[in-house]
């Protein structure tokens, strides 16, 4: 039985083939090379503690609609006002996203933007840069090691950062072997969509590398942030926990404020 990730990947391959037929590679390369200069994604993360990559996410294949009627520009402005370090935009149609969402966010806020999608082809990387992405997600579970290195090198050549996502030990080691400067640990298993914050703790238990670690999925409270910060993560990608109540600015401000208040509290 194919997993959720397998089914999405099969659909994505067909979708990319259709889009490539409409816009040939040479045209997409020209658009990417002519786009406005990328914003410093990693630099922005390093300038904040905690560094929150706040996500614009309309829906989930496993949970349905998250924020009906979501306005990407308004949410982006809320995130910027509340102290986000960067914004992630889910552009895959299985999450009801699109590149139009990314363009709207780019126009609305000055923060660097991650295009979160299922990227496996050079054409998609040029497409992301042409739309205004400053960073792309690359899921290790979808890629061979040589493919990951090649695509990451292309993204860096275009001035973008690359968030290499891992969920298990093999994928984490693959990200490190590729020289990733930014590694995401997804607490959600994309094959089953089950979530466990212990995934980050386990993979970082003996980690001594130099990559900036981003914890992803299942983060809802300041206590979750502190737990994962103690494990070694210095950035956090959060979507559903900020959006479900329909007040993303207040949710993000409370999350960051709660983390800081605990950090500043006197020892007992």
Foldseek 3Di string as FASTA:
>chain_A
DFFLVRVLVVVVVVVVVVVCVVPPLVRLLVLLLPFDAADDLVVLCVVDFQAEAEEDFQAALVGGGQFPPDDLLVLLVLCVVLPHSHYEYEDRCSRPHHLVSVLSSVVRDVHAYEDEYADQDLSVLSVCSSSHHQEYEYELVVDDLVSVLVSQVSNVVSNHAYEYEDAAQVSVVSCVVSVHQHYEHEQADRRHRDGDLCSLLVNLVPDDDNHAYEYEPDDAALVSVVVNVVSPHRYYYDYSNQPNVPNNSVRSNRNVVVNVVVVPDDDD
